[in-house]
Amino acid sequence: MRRTLLAAAFALVPSLALAHPGLPGHAHDLAGGFLHPLGGIDHVLAMVAVGLFAAQLGGRALWLVPASFVAMMAAAGVAAMSGVAVPMTEVGIAASIIVLGAAISLRLAMPVAAADGAGRLFRMFHGYAHGLEMPETASGLLYGLGFVTATALLHGLGIGIGLAVGRLEGTVGRSLVRVAGSVAAIIGVALLAGVA
């Protein structure tokens, strides 16, 4: 588990170095997009939870659930940048954390297609929020590449944690995952109460 966390930290360091205000042009657009998902607990929780849920499902879900999440999120980001309106975005984001946290906590087992289909609406809300909050002067392509990269890394972190915890013996690993899912769901409820 230490190796996974260390690898994630090293992966983030070069991009964080680009995040200094006042950087000219494209580096600032890419860094701004990369940092956006990392700037809010709602996005971090949801993206790590997607990876954790994928690890819990195992098999093809390890790559399919995160990959389809990123693809749909990117499409929703483009829609937001194009001026398409999606109502109740923050409610949808909070609901995604509740549902993902509950699914992890309850150790829901489902076919990959069902897990993928169930998350489509939530992906839309997250991608839309990223695209909507893009600065007007930013390059849409670079900003989008930044938030897609950060999202993929957060999914990878969740997968790494899920696989590492899964190697723990007995009920310890399952208990840790259930506690993590429960905490995420509770935070999601608090976020929902704040936006409702």
N, C-alpha and C. Protein backbone atom coordinates (compact mmCIF):
# COMPACT_ATOMS: atom_id res chain seq x y z
N MET A 1 0.83 -1.18 0.00
CA MET A 1 0.00 0.00 0.00
C MET A 1 0.88 1.25 0.00
N ARG A 2 1.99 1.20 0.72
CA ARG A 2 2.89 2.36 0.74
C ARG A 2 3.43 2.65 -0.65
N ARG A 3 3.73 1.59 -1.39
CA ARG A 3 4.26 1.79 -2.75
C ARG A 3 3.23 2.48 -3.64
N THR A 4 1.97 2.07 -3.51
CA THR A 4 0.90 2.68 -4.31
C THR A 4 0.76 4.15 -4.00
N LEU A 5 0.74 4.49 -2.71
CA LEU A 5 0.61 5.90 -2.31
C LEU A 5 1.82 6.71 -2.74
N LEU A 6 3.01 6.12 -2.62
CA LEU A 6 4.22 6.81 -3.03
C LEU A 6 4.22 7.05 -4.54
N ALA A 7 3.79 6.04 -5.31
CA ALA A 7 3.72 6.19 -6.77
C ALA A 7 2.74 7.29 -7.15
N ALA A 8 1.59 7.33 -6.46
CA ALA A 8 0.61 8.37 -6.74
C ALA A 8 1.17 9.75 -6.43
N ALA A 9 1.88 9.87 -5.32
CA ALA A 9 2.48 11.16 -4.95
C ALA A 9 3.49 11.62 -6.00
N PHE A 10 4.36 10.69 -6.45
CA PHE A 10 5.34 11.05 -7.47
C PHE A 10 4.69 11.41 -8.80
N ALA A 11 3.58 10.77 -9.11
CA ALA A 11 2.87 11.08 -10.35
C ALA A 11 2.27 12.48 -10.31
N LEU A 12 1.85 12.92 -9.13
CA LEU A 12 1.21 14.22 -8.99
C LEU A 12 2.20 15.38 -8.92
N VAL A 13 3.42 15.14 -8.43
CA VAL A 13 4.37 16.21 -8.19
C VAL A 13 4.70 17.03 -9.44
N PRO A 14 5.01 16.42 -10.60
CA PRO A 14 5.34 17.25 -11.76
C PRO A 14 4.21 18.18 -12.19
N SER A 15 2.99 17.71 -12.14
CA SER A 15 1.87 18.54 -12.56
C SER A 15 1.57 19.63 -11.54
N LEU A 16 1.75 19.34 -10.26
CA LEU A 16 1.52 20.37 -9.25
C LEU A 16 2.52 21.51 -9.41
N ALA A 17 3.72 21.18 -9.87
CA ALA A 17 4.72 22.22 -10.07
C ALA A 17 4.29 23.21 -11.14
N LEU A 18 3.43 22.81 -12.05
CA LEU A 18 2.96 23.69 -13.11
C LEU A 18 1.82 24.61 -12.66
N ALA A 19 1.38 24.47 -11.43
CA ALA A 19 0.17 25.14 -11.00
C ALA A 19 0.38 26.55 -10.45
N HIS A 20 1.57 27.08 -10.60
CA HIS A 20 1.82 28.41 -10.05
C HIS A 20 1.06 29.47 -10.84
N PRO A 21 0.41 30.39 -10.15
CA PRO A 21 -0.34 31.44 -10.85
C PRO A 21 0.58 32.26 -11.74
N GLY A 22 0.04 32.71 -12.82
CA GLY A 22 0.80 33.58 -13.70
C GLY A 22 1.61 32.85 -14.75
N LEU A 23 1.56 31.54 -14.77
CA LEU A 23 2.26 30.83 -15.83
C LEU A 23 1.62 31.19 -17.16
N PRO A 24 2.41 31.41 -18.16
CA PRO A 24 1.83 31.80 -19.44
C PRO A 24 1.14 30.64 -20.15
N GLY A 25 0.03 30.94 -20.78
CA GLY A 25 -0.61 30.07 -21.76
C GLY A 25 -0.94 28.67 -21.36
N HIS A 26 -0.47 27.74 -22.20
CA HIS A 26 -0.95 26.37 -22.17
C HIS A 26 -0.61 25.62 -20.88
N ALA A 27 0.54 25.85 -20.29
CA ALA A 27 0.89 25.14 -19.06
C ALA A 27 -0.12 25.45 -17.96
N HIS A 28 -0.56 26.70 -17.92
CA HIS A 28 -1.53 27.10 -16.89
C HIS A 28 -2.90 26.44 -17.15
N ASP A 29 -3.31 26.32 -18.41
CA ASP A 29 -4.58 25.68 -18.75
C ASP A 29 -4.57 24.21 -18.35
N LEU A 30 -3.49 23.51 -18.67
CA LEU A 30 -3.37 22.10 -18.34
C LEU A 30 -3.34 21.91 -16.82
N ALA A 31 -2.56 22.73 -16.13
CA ALA A 31 -2.46 22.63 -14.67
C ALA A 31 -3.78 22.97 -14.00
N GLY A 32 -4.47 23.98 -14.51
CA GLY A 32 -5.77 24.35 -13.94
C GLY A 32 -6.77 23.23 -14.06
N GLY A 33 -6.80 22.57 -15.22
CA GLY A 33 -7.68 21.43 -15.40
C GLY A 33 -7.30 20.26 -14.52
N PHE A 34 -5.99 20.05 -14.36
CA PHE A 34 -5.52 18.95 -13.52
C PHE A 34 -5.87 19.19 -12.05
N LEU A 35 -5.73 20.41 -11.61
CA LEU A 35 -5.96 20.71 -10.19
C LEU A 35 -7.44 20.80 -9.82
N HIS A 36 -8.29 21.06 -10.81
CA HIS A 36 -9.71 21.25 -10.49
C HIS A 36 -10.33 20.06 -9.76
N PRO A 37 -10.17 18.82 -10.23
CA PRO A 37 -10.78 17.69 -9.48
C PRO A 37 -10.16 17.48 -8.11
N LEU A 38 -8.93 17.95 -7.92
CA LEU A 38 -8.24 17.78 -6.64
C LEU A 38 -8.63 18.84 -5.63
N GLY A 39 -9.34 19.86 -6.08
CA GLY A 39 -9.66 21.00 -5.23
C GLY A 39 -10.92 20.88 -4.41
N GLY A 40 -11.68 19.82 -4.59
CA GLY A 40 -12.92 19.67 -3.83
C GLY A 40 -13.07 18.25 -3.31
N ILE A 41 -13.47 18.14 -2.07
CA ILE A 41 -13.62 16.81 -1.46
C ILE A 41 -14.66 15.98 -2.20
N ASP A 42 -15.66 16.64 -2.78
CA ASP A 42 -16.70 15.88 -3.49
C ASP A 42 -16.12 15.12 -4.68
N HIS A 43 -15.29 15.78 -5.46
CA HIS A 43 -14.71 15.11 -6.63
C HIS A 43 -13.68 14.06 -6.21
N VAL A 44 -12.84 14.39 -5.24
CA VAL A 44 -11.83 13.43 -4.80
C VAL A 44 -12.49 12.17 -4.26
N LEU A 45 -13.48 12.34 -3.39
CA LEU A 45 -14.17 11.18 -2.83
C LEU A 45 -14.82 10.32 -3.91
N ALA A 46 -15.52 10.96 -4.82
CA ALA A 46 -16.22 10.21 -5.86
C ALA A 46 -15.25 9.47 -6.77
N MET A 47 -14.16 10.12 -7.17
CA MET A 47 -13.23 9.49 -8.11
C MET A 47 -12.46 8.34 -7.46
N VAL A 48 -12.04 8.52 -6.21
CA VAL A 48 -11.37 7.42 -5.50
C VAL A 48 -12.37 6.28 -5.26
N ALA A 49 -13.62 6.64 -4.95
CA ALA A 49 -14.65 5.61 -4.72
C ALA A 49 -14.92 4.80 -5.98
N VAL A 50 -14.88 5.43 -7.14
CA VAL A 50 -15.06 4.68 -8.39
C VAL A 50 -13.97 3.62 -8.52
N GLY A 51 -12.73 4.00 -8.25
CA GLY A 51 -11.63 3.03 -8.31
C GLY A 51 -11.77 1.94 -7.28
N LEU A 52 -12.17 2.31 -6.07
CA LEU A 52 -12.36 1.33 -4.99
C LEU A 52 -13.48 0.35 -5.35
N PHE A 53 -14.56 0.88 -5.91
CA PHE A 53 -15.68 0.02 -6.33
C PHE A 53 -15.25 -0.91 -7.46
N ALA A 54 -14.47 -0.40 -8.40
CA ALA A 54 -13.97 -1.24 -9.50
C ALA A 54 -13.09 -2.36 -8.96
N ALA A 55 -12.24 -2.05 -7.98
CA ALA A 55 -11.39 -3.08 -7.37
C ALA A 55 -12.23 -4.11 -6.64
N GLN A 56 -13.28 -3.65 -6.02
CA GLN A 56 -14.17 -4.55 -5.29
C GLN A 56 -14.88 -5.52 -6.26
N LEU A 57 -15.27 -5.00 -7.42
CA LEU A 57 -15.93 -5.86 -8.42
C LEU A 57 -14.93 -6.81 -9.07
N GLY A 58 -13.71 -6.32 -9.32
CA GLY A 58 -12.66 -7.15 -9.89
C GLY A 58 -12.89 -7.45 -11.37
N GLY A 59 -12.03 -8.29 -11.92
CA GLY A 59 -12.13 -8.70 -13.32
C GLY A 59 -12.07 -7.53 -14.29
N ARG A 60 -12.96 -7.57 -15.29
CA ARG A 60 -13.00 -6.51 -16.31
C ARG A 60 -13.35 -5.16 -15.71
N ALA A 61 -14.03 -5.14 -14.57
CA ALA A 61 -14.44 -3.88 -13.95
C ALA A 61 -13.24 -3.03 -13.56
N LEU A 62 -12.10 -3.66 -13.32
CA LEU A 62 -10.90 -2.91 -12.94
C LEU A 62 -10.54 -1.84 -13.96
N TRP A 63 -10.74 -2.13 -15.22
CA TRP A 63 -10.42 -1.13 -16.23
C TRP A 63 -11.67 -0.53 -16.87
N LEU A 64 -12.74 -1.32 -17.00
CA LEU A 64 -13.92 -0.84 -17.73
C LEU A 64 -14.68 0.25 -16.98
N VAL A 65 -14.91 0.07 -15.69
CA VAL A 65 -15.67 1.06 -14.93
C VAL A 65 -14.95 2.42 -14.91
N PRO A 66 -13.65 2.47 -14.55
CA PRO A 66 -12.97 3.77 -14.58
C PRO A 66 -12.84 4.36 -15.99
N ALA A 67 -12.56 3.52 -16.97
CA ALA A 67 -12.39 4.04 -18.34
C ALA A 67 -13.68 4.64 -18.87
N SER A 68 -14.80 3.97 -18.64
CA SER A 68 -16.06 4.52 -19.13
C SER A 68 -16.47 5.76 -18.33
N PHE A 69 -16.09 5.80 -17.05
CA PHE A 69 -16.37 6.99 -16.25
C PHE A 69 -15.64 8.19 -16.85
N VAL A 70 -14.35 8.00 -17.15
CA VAL A 70 -13.55 9.09 -17.71
C VAL A 70 -14.09 9.52 -19.07
N ALA A 71 -14.47 8.57 -19.92
CA ALA A 71 -14.97 8.91 -21.25
C ALA A 71 -16.27 9.70 -21.18
N MET A 72 -17.21 9.26 -20.36
CA MET A 72 -18.49 9.97 -20.24
C MET A 72 -18.30 11.32 -19.59
N MET A 73 -17.40 11.38 -18.62
CA MET A 73 -17.13 12.64 -17.95
C MET A 73 -16.53 13.65 -18.93
N ALA A 74 -15.64 13.20 -19.79
CA ALA A 74 -15.05 14.09 -20.79
C ALA A 74 -16.12 14.61 -21.75
N ALA A 75 -17.04 13.75 -22.17
CA ALA A 75 -18.13 14.17 -23.06
C ALA A 75 -19.03 15.20 -22.38
N ALA A 76 -19.32 14.98 -21.10
CA ALA A 76 -20.15 15.95 -20.37
C ALA A 76 -19.40 17.27 -20.17
N GLY A 77 -18.09 17.20 -20.00
CA GLY A 77 -17.29 18.43 -19.90
C GLY A 77 -17.35 19.23 -21.18
N VAL A 78 -17.28 18.56 -22.32
CA VAL A 78 -17.40 19.24 -23.62
C VAL A 78 -18.78 19.87 -23.76
N ALA A 79 -19.82 19.15 -23.31
CA ALA A 79 -21.17 19.70 -23.38
C ALA A 79 -21.28 20.97 -22.55
N ALA A 80 -20.69 20.97 -21.36
CA ALA A 80 -20.72 22.17 -20.52
C ALA A 80 -19.97 23.32 -21.16
N MET A 81 -18.82 23.03 -21.74
CA MET A 81 -18.04 24.07 -22.42
C MET A 81 -18.79 24.63 -23.62
N SER A 82 -19.70 23.83 -24.18
CA SER A 82 -20.49 24.26 -25.34
C SER A 82 -21.76 24.99 -24.96
N GLY A 83 -22.02 25.12 -23.66
CA GLY A 83 -23.18 25.88 -23.20
C GLY A 83 -24.42 25.06 -22.90
N VAL A 84 -24.32 23.74 -22.94
CA VAL A 84 -25.46 22.90 -22.61
C VAL A 84 -25.73 23.01 -21.11
N ALA A 85 -26.99 23.13 -20.71
CA ALA A 85 -27.34 23.27 -19.30
C ALA A 85 -27.79 21.94 -18.72
N VAL A 86 -27.25 21.61 -17.55
CA VAL A 86 -27.66 20.41 -16.81
C VAL A 86 -28.09 20.88 -15.43
N PRO A 87 -29.36 20.67 -15.09
CA PRO A 87 -29.84 21.14 -13.78
C PRO A 87 -29.36 20.24 -12.63
N MET A 88 -29.35 20.81 -11.45
CA MET A 88 -29.07 20.12 -10.20
C MET A 88 -27.76 19.35 -10.20
N THR A 89 -26.72 19.97 -10.74
CA THR A 89 -25.42 19.31 -10.84
C THR A 89 -24.86 18.95 -9.47
N GLU A 90 -24.88 19.89 -8.53
CA GLU A 90 -24.31 19.62 -7.21
C GLU A 90 -25.08 18.53 -6.47
N VAL A 91 -26.39 18.49 -6.66
CA VAL A 91 -27.20 17.43 -6.06
C VAL A 91 -26.79 16.08 -6.64
N GLY A 92 -26.58 16.03 -7.95
CA GLY A 92 -26.15 14.80 -8.60
C GLY A 92 -24.78 14.34 -8.13
N ILE A 93 -23.87 15.28 -7.92
CA ILE A 93 -22.53 14.94 -7.44
C ILE A 93 -22.62 14.36 -6.02
N ALA A 94 -23.38 15.02 -5.15
CA ALA A 94 -23.54 14.52 -3.77
C ALA A 94 -24.20 13.15 -3.77
N ALA A 95 -25.21 12.97 -4.62
CA ALA A 95 -25.90 11.68 -4.70
C ALA A 95 -24.95 10.58 -5.17
N SER A 96 -24.03 10.93 -6.08
CA SER A 96 -23.08 9.92 -6.56
C SER A 96 -22.19 9.43 -5.43
N ILE A 97 -21.80 10.32 -4.54
CA ILE A 97 -20.95 9.93 -3.41
C ILE A 97 -21.73 9.02 -2.46
N ILE A 98 -22.99 9.35 -2.24
CA ILE A 98 -23.83 8.51 -1.37
C ILE A 98 -23.97 7.11 -1.95
N VAL A 99 -24.31 7.04 -3.23
CA VAL A 99 -24.55 5.74 -3.88
C VAL A 99 -23.25 4.92 -3.95
N LEU A 100 -22.15 5.55 -4.35
CA LEU A 100 -20.88 4.83 -4.43
C LEU A 100 -20.44 4.36 -3.05
N GLY A 101 -20.55 5.25 -2.05
CA GLY A 101 -20.18 4.87 -0.69
C GLY A 101 -21.01 3.71 -0.18
N ALA A 102 -22.31 3.75 -0.44
CA ALA A 102 -23.19 2.66 0.00
C ALA A 102 -22.86 1.36 -0.73
N ALA A 103 -22.59 1.44 -2.02
CA ALA A 103 -22.25 0.24 -2.80
C ALA A 103 -20.97 -0.40 -2.28
N ILE A 104 -20.00 0.43 -1.92
CA ILE A 104 -18.74 -0.08 -1.38
C ILE A 104 -18.98 -0.67 0.01
N SER A 105 -19.69 0.06 0.84
CA SER A 105 -19.94 -0.38 2.21
C SER A 105 -20.72 -1.70 2.25
N LEU A 106 -21.70 -1.82 1.38
CA LEU A 106 -22.54 -3.02 1.35
C LEU A 106 -21.92 -4.15 0.52
N ARG A 107 -20.77 -3.85 -0.10
CA ARG A 107 -20.07 -4.81 -0.96
C ARG A 107 -21.00 -5.36 -2.04
N LEU A 108 -21.70 -4.45 -2.71
CA LEU A 108 -22.63 -4.86 -3.75
C LEU A 108 -21.87 -5.55 -4.88
N ALA A 109 -22.34 -6.71 -5.24
CA ALA A 109 -21.78 -7.43 -6.37
C ALA A 109 -22.78 -7.33 -7.51
N MET A 110 -22.30 -6.93 -8.65
CA MET A 110 -23.18 -6.80 -9.81
C MET A 110 -22.38 -7.01 -11.07
N PRO A 111 -23.04 -7.38 -12.15
CA PRO A 111 -22.32 -7.51 -13.42
C PRO A 111 -21.70 -6.17 -13.82
N VAL A 112 -20.61 -6.25 -14.54
CA VAL A 112 -19.90 -5.04 -14.97
C VAL A 112 -20.82 -4.12 -15.76
N ALA A 113 -21.64 -4.68 -16.64
CA ALA A 113 -22.54 -3.87 -17.46
C ALA A 113 -23.53 -3.10 -16.58
N ALA A 114 -24.00 -3.73 -15.52
CA ALA A 114 -24.94 -3.05 -14.62
C ALA A 114 -24.24 -1.93 -13.86
N ALA A 115 -23.02 -2.19 -13.39
CA ALA A 115 -22.26 -1.16 -12.68
C ALA A 115 -21.96 0.01 -13.60
N ASP A 116 -21.61 -0.30 -14.84
CA ASP A 116 -21.30 0.74 -15.81
C ASP A 116 -22.54 1.56 -16.14
N GLY A 117 -23.64 0.90 -16.35
CA GLY A 117 -24.89 1.60 -16.69
C GLY A 117 -25.40 2.46 -15.56
N ALA A 118 -25.28 1.95 -14.33
CA ALA A 118 -25.79 2.69 -13.17
C ALA A 118 -25.03 4.00 -12.95
N GLY A 119 -23.78 4.04 -13.37
CA GLY A 119 -22.98 5.23 -13.10
C GLY A 119 -23.03 6.30 -14.17
N ARG A 120 -23.75 6.07 -15.27
CA ARG A 120 -23.73 7.04 -16.38
C ARG A 120 -24.24 8.41 -15.98
N LEU A 121 -25.29 8.47 -15.23
CA LEU A 121 -25.84 9.76 -14.82
C LEU A 121 -24.86 10.50 -13.93
N PHE A 122 -24.22 9.78 -13.02
CA PHE A 122 -23.27 10.42 -12.11
C PHE A 122 -22.06 10.96 -12.86
N ARG A 123 -21.61 10.23 -13.86
CA ARG A 123 -20.47 10.69 -14.66
C ARG A 123 -20.79 12.01 -15.34
N MET A 124 -22.02 12.11 -15.79
CA MET A 124 -22.44 13.33 -16.47
C MET A 124 -22.33 14.52 -15.54
N PHE A 125 -22.79 14.38 -14.30
CA PHE A 125 -22.74 15.50 -13.37
C PHE A 125 -21.31 15.94 -13.08
N HIS A 126 -20.43 14.96 -12.86
CA HIS A 126 -19.03 15.31 -12.56
C HIS A 126 -18.35 15.99 -13.74
N GLY A 127 -18.52 15.43 -14.93
CA GLY A 127 -17.91 16.03 -16.11
C GLY A 127 -18.47 17.41 -16.41
N TYR A 128 -19.78 17.54 -16.25
CA TYR A 128 -20.41 18.83 -16.48
C TYR A 128 -19.85 19.90 -15.54
N ALA A 129 -19.67 19.55 -14.27
CA ALA A 129 -19.13 20.51 -13.30
C ALA A 129 -17.72 20.94 -13.69
N HIS A 130 -16.90 20.00 -14.14
CA HIS A 130 -15.54 20.36 -14.56
C HIS A 130 -15.56 21.29 -15.76
N GLY A 131 -16.37 20.97 -16.74
CA GLY A 131 -16.43 21.81 -17.94
C GLY A 131 -17.03 23.17 -17.67
N LEU A 132 -18.04 23.22 -16.81
CA LEU A 132 -18.69 24.48 -16.48
C LEU A 132 -17.77 25.44 -15.75
N GLU A 133 -16.88 24.90 -14.93
CA GLU A 133 -16.01 25.74 -14.12
C GLU A 133 -14.68 26.06 -14.79
N MET A 134 -14.56 25.72 -16.07
CA MET A 134 -13.35 26.06 -16.81
C MET A 134 -13.26 27.57 -16.99
N PRO A 135 -12.10 28.17 -16.70
CA PRO A 135 -11.96 29.61 -16.94
C PRO A 135 -12.19 29.95 -18.41
N GLU A 136 -12.79 31.10 -18.65
CA GLU A 136 -13.12 31.50 -20.03
C GLU A 136 -11.91 31.61 -20.93
N THR A 137 -10.77 31.95 -20.35
CA THR A 137 -9.56 32.15 -21.17
C THR A 137 -8.77 30.86 -21.38
N ALA A 138 -9.19 29.77 -20.76
CA ALA A 138 -8.43 28.52 -20.85
C ALA A 138 -8.70 27.80 -22.17
N SER A 139 -7.73 27.05 -22.61
CA SER A 139 -7.90 26.16 -23.75
C SER A 139 -8.75 24.97 -23.31
N GLY A 140 -9.88 24.76 -23.96
CA GLY A 140 -10.77 23.66 -23.59
C GLY A 140 -10.09 22.31 -23.69
N LEU A 141 -9.28 22.13 -24.73
CA LEU A 141 -8.60 20.86 -24.92
C LEU A 141 -7.61 20.59 -23.79
N LEU A 142 -6.78 21.57 -23.47
CA LEU A 142 -5.77 21.36 -22.43
C LEU A 142 -6.39 21.27 -21.04
N TYR A 143 -7.37 22.12 -20.79
CA TYR A 143 -8.06 22.06 -19.50
C TYR A 143 -8.74 20.70 -19.33
N GLY A 144 -9.41 20.24 -20.40
CA GLY A 144 -10.07 18.93 -20.37
C GLY A 144 -9.07 17.80 -20.19
N LEU A 145 -7.93 17.88 -20.87
CA LEU A 145 -6.89 16.87 -20.71
C LEU A 145 -6.40 16.84 -19.27
N GLY A 146 -6.31 18.01 -18.65
CA GLY A 146 -5.88 18.08 -17.25
C GLY A 146 -6.86 17.41 -16.32
N PHE A 147 -8.17 17.71 -16.45
CA PHE A 147 -9.10 17.11 -15.50
C PHE A 147 -9.33 15.63 -15.77
N VAL A 148 -9.19 15.21 -17.02
CA VAL A 148 -9.30 13.78 -17.33
C VAL A 148 -8.11 13.02 -16.74
N THR A 149 -6.93 13.59 -16.83
CA THR A 149 -5.73 12.95 -16.27
C THR A 149 -5.83 12.83 -14.76
N ALA A 150 -6.23 13.91 -14.10
CA ALA A 150 -6.37 13.87 -12.64
C ALA A 150 -7.42 12.85 -12.22
N THR A 151 -8.51 12.80 -12.95
CA THR A 151 -9.57 11.83 -12.65
C THR A 151 -9.06 10.41 -12.78
N ALA A 152 -8.33 10.13 -13.85
CA ALA A 152 -7.79 8.79 -14.06
C ALA A 152 -6.82 8.41 -12.93
N LEU A 153 -6.01 9.37 -12.50
CA LEU A 153 -5.09 9.10 -11.40
C LEU A 153 -5.83 8.82 -10.09
N LEU A 154 -6.90 9.57 -9.84
CA LEU A 154 -7.70 9.32 -8.63
C LEU A 154 -8.38 7.95 -8.71
N HIS A 155 -8.86 7.57 -9.88
CA HIS A 155 -9.42 6.22 -10.06
C HIS A 155 -8.33 5.17 -9.76
N GLY A 156 -7.14 5.41 -10.30
CA GLY A 156 -6.02 4.49 -10.06
C GLY A 156 -5.67 4.38 -8.59
N LEU A 157 -5.72 5.50 -7.89
CA LEU A 157 -5.46 5.49 -6.45
C LEU A 157 -6.50 4.63 -5.73
N GLY A 158 -7.77 4.79 -6.11
CA GLY A 158 -8.82 3.97 -5.51
C GLY A 158 -8.64 2.49 -5.79
N ILE A 159 -8.26 2.17 -7.03
CA ILE A 159 -8.00 0.77 -7.38
C ILE A 159 -6.83 0.23 -6.57
N GLY A 160 -5.76 1.03 -6.48
CA GLY A 160 -4.59 0.59 -5.71
C GLY A 160 -4.92 0.34 -4.24
N ILE A 161 -5.69 1.24 -3.66
CA ILE A 161 -6.10 1.06 -2.26
C ILE A 161 -6.96 -0.19 -2.13
N GLY A 162 -7.92 -0.34 -3.05
CA GLY A 162 -8.81 -1.50 -3.00
C GLY A 162 -8.06 -2.81 -3.12
N LEU A 163 -7.09 -2.88 -4.03
CA LEU A 163 -6.32 -4.11 -4.21
C LEU A 163 -5.41 -4.37 -3.01
N ALA A 164 -4.80 -3.31 -2.47
CA ALA A 164 -3.92 -3.47 -1.31
C ALA A 164 -4.70 -3.93 -0.09
N VAL A 165 -5.84 -3.30 0.15
CA VAL A 165 -6.66 -3.68 1.30
C VAL A 165 -7.22 -5.08 1.12
N GLY A 166 -7.52 -5.44 -0.12
CA GLY A 166 -8.04 -6.77 -0.40
C GLY A 166 -7.06 -7.88 -0.07
N ARG A 167 -5.78 -7.55 -0.01
CA ARG A 167 -4.77 -8.56 0.32
C ARG A 167 -4.63 -8.80 1.82
N LEU A 168 -5.23 -7.93 2.61
CA LEU A 168 -5.18 -8.13 4.06
C LEU A 168 -5.96 -9.38 4.43
N GLU A 169 -5.51 -10.07 5.42
CA GLU A 169 -6.14 -11.33 5.79
C GLU A 169 -7.45 -11.13 6.53
N GLY A 170 -8.34 -12.10 6.35
CA GLY A 170 -9.58 -12.15 7.12
C GLY A 170 -10.51 -10.98 6.88
N THR A 171 -11.16 -10.61 7.94
CA THR A 171 -12.18 -9.57 7.85
C THR A 171 -11.62 -8.17 7.97
N VAL A 172 -10.32 -8.05 8.25
CA VAL A 172 -9.72 -6.72 8.41
C VAL A 172 -9.89 -5.89 7.14
N GLY A 173 -9.52 -6.46 5.99
CA GLY A 173 -9.64 -5.75 4.73
C GLY A 173 -11.06 -5.37 4.40
N ARG A 174 -11.97 -6.34 4.58
CA ARG A 174 -13.39 -6.06 4.30
C ARG A 174 -13.92 -4.97 5.23
N SER A 175 -13.51 -5.00 6.48
CA SER A 175 -13.97 -3.98 7.43
C SER A 175 -13.46 -2.60 7.06
N LEU A 176 -12.20 -2.52 6.66
CA LEU A 176 -11.65 -1.22 6.26
C LEU A 176 -12.40 -0.65 5.06
N VAL A 177 -12.69 -1.50 4.09
CA VAL A 177 -13.41 -1.04 2.90
C VAL A 177 -14.83 -0.61 3.27
N ARG A 178 -15.48 -1.36 4.12
CA ARG A 178 -16.84 -1.00 4.54
C ARG A 178 -16.84 0.33 5.29
N VAL A 179 -15.86 0.53 6.15
CA VAL A 179 -15.78 1.81 6.88
C VAL A 179 -15.55 2.96 5.90
N ALA A 180 -14.65 2.76 4.94
CA ALA A 180 -14.39 3.80 3.94
C ALA A 180 -15.64 4.13 3.16
N GLY A 181 -16.38 3.11 2.74
CA GLY A 181 -17.62 3.35 2.00
C GLY A 181 -18.64 4.07 2.85
N SER A 182 -18.75 3.69 4.11
CA SER A 182 -19.71 4.34 5.01
C SER A 182 -19.36 5.81 5.24
N VAL A 183 -18.08 6.09 5.43
CA VAL A 183 -17.64 7.48 5.63
C VAL A 183 -17.94 8.30 4.39
N ALA A 184 -17.67 7.75 3.21
CA ALA A 184 -17.97 8.47 1.96
C ALA A 184 -19.45 8.76 1.86
N ALA A 185 -20.30 7.77 2.16
CA ALA A 185 -21.74 7.97 2.08
C ALA A 185 -22.21 9.05 3.05
N ILE A 186 -21.65 9.05 4.27
CA ILE A 186 -22.03 10.06 5.26
C ILE A 186 -21.61 11.45 4.79
N ILE A 187 -20.42 11.56 4.24
CA ILE A 187 -19.97 12.86 3.70
C ILE A 187 -20.87 13.27 2.54
N GLY A 188 -21.27 12.32 1.72
CA GLY A 188 -22.19 12.62 0.63
C GLY A 188 -23.52 13.15 1.14
N VAL A 189 -24.03 12.58 2.22
CA VAL A 189 -25.28 13.06 2.82
C VAL A 189 -25.10 14.49 3.32
N ALA A 190 -23.95 14.76 3.95
CA ALA A 190 -23.68 16.12 4.43
C ALA A 190 -23.59 17.11 3.28
N LEU A 191 -22.94 16.71 2.19
CA LEU A 191 -22.86 17.58 1.02
C LEU A 191 -24.23 17.82 0.41
N LEU A 192 -25.04 16.76 0.36
CA LEU A 192 -26.39 16.90 -0.18
C LEU A 192 -27.22 17.84 0.67
N ALA A 193 -27.07 17.73 1.98
CA ALA A 193 -27.81 18.65 2.88
C ALA A 193 -27.38 20.08 2.67
N GLY A 194 -26.11 20.28 2.31
CA GLY A 194 -25.60 21.63 2.07
C GLY A 194 -26.09 22.26 0.78
N VAL A 195 -26.43 21.44 -0.22
CA VAL A 195 -26.86 21.99 -1.51
C VAL A 195 -28.37 21.91 -1.70
N ALA A 196 -29.04 21.10 -0.89
CA ALA A 196 -30.49 20.92 -1.07
C ALA A 196 -31.27 22.04 -0.42
